[in-house]
Amino acid sequence: MDWDAIRQLLPHYLALIVILTVLLTGLQLVWPGASIWVQIGVAVLLGLAYPTAVRYFGLAPDPWE
């Protein structure tokens, strides 16, 4: 197991969890009847957009390069 890579990735995965929690909570406040498929779509879009945005801003950890 590569502990250095885990240490580099951990803050990004924690940020993803926090951002996803905030987005899904906001979605429930704005649209209380949002289906599970909408929530899954938000999670997938965030999962694809976050690493791309981090690379674009030059903040990506070495394992994502």
Protein backbone atom coordinates (compact mmCIF):
# COMPACT_ATOMS: atom_id res chain seq x y z
CA MET A 1 0.00 0.00 0.00
CA ASP A 2 1.35 3.41 -0.99
CA TRP A 3 0.86 5.53 2.14
CA ASP A 4 2.28 8.64 0.50
CA ALA A 5 -0.38 8.53 -2.21
CA ILE A 6 -3.09 7.97 0.39
CA ARG A 7 -1.88 10.99 2.38
CA GLN A 8 -2.00 13.12 -0.77
CA LEU A 9 -5.47 11.95 -1.80
CA LEU A 10 -7.19 11.98 1.60
CA PRO A 11 -7.86 15.76 1.72
CA HIS A 12 -9.39 15.62 -1.76
CA TYR A 13 -11.68 12.72 -0.90
CA LEU A 14 -12.76 14.46 2.31
CA ALA A 15 -13.46 17.62 0.30
CA LEU A 16 -15.56 15.57 -2.14
CA ILE A 17 -17.60 14.15 0.72
CA VAL A 18 -18.19 17.59 2.25
CA ILE A 19 -19.10 19.18 -1.09
CA LEU A 20 -21.45 16.30 -1.96
CA THR A 21 -23.16 16.54 1.43
CA VAL A 22 -23.68 20.28 1.00
CA LEU A 23 -24.96 19.88 -2.57
CA LEU A 24 -27.41 17.11 -1.71
CA THR A 25 -28.66 18.97 1.36
CA GLY A 26 -29.17 22.10 -0.72
CA LEU A 27 -30.94 20.06 -3.37
CA GLN A 28 -33.33 18.67 -0.76
CA LEU A 29 -34.04 22.18 0.56
CA VAL A 30 -34.69 23.60 -2.93
CA TRP A 31 -36.45 20.55 -4.40
CA PRO A 32 -37.82 18.33 -1.61
CA GLY A 33 -39.23 15.79 -4.06
CA ALA A 34 -35.98 15.14 -5.91
CA SER A 35 -35.73 11.48 -6.82
CA ILE A 36 -32.80 9.22 -6.01
CA TRP A 37 -31.81 9.33 -9.70
CA VAL A 38 -31.37 13.10 -9.57
CA GLN A 39 -29.22 12.72 -6.45
CA ILE A 40 -27.14 10.00 -8.10
CA GLY A 41 -26.72 12.26 -11.14
CA VAL A 42 -25.45 15.09 -8.93
CA ALA A 43 -23.00 12.71 -7.26
CA VAL A 44 -21.71 11.40 -10.60
CA LEU A 45 -21.32 14.91 -12.02
CA LEU A 46 -19.41 16.02 -8.95
CA GLY A 47 -17.24 12.92 -9.08
CA LEU A 48 -16.29 13.72 -12.66
CA ALA A 49 -16.03 17.49 -12.32
CA TYR A 50 -13.97 17.72 -9.12
CA PRO A 51 -10.78 15.99 -10.36
CA THR A 52 -11.01 17.89 -13.64
CA ALA A 53 -11.35 21.23 -11.84
CA VAL A 54 -8.51 20.40 -9.45
CA ARG A 55 -6.23 19.54 -12.38
CA TYR A 56 -7.25 22.73 -14.20
CA PHE A 57 -6.32 24.91 -11.21
CA GLY A 58 -3.05 23.04 -10.74
CA LEU A 59 -3.91 21.64 -7.31
CA ALA A 60 -4.02 17.97 -8.27
CA PRO A 61 -2.00 15.51 -6.18
CA ASP A 62 0.68 13.45 -7.91
CA PRO A 63 -1.45 10.26 -8.21
CA TRP A 64 -4.03 12.21 -10.27
CA GLU A 65 -1.46 13.66 -12.67
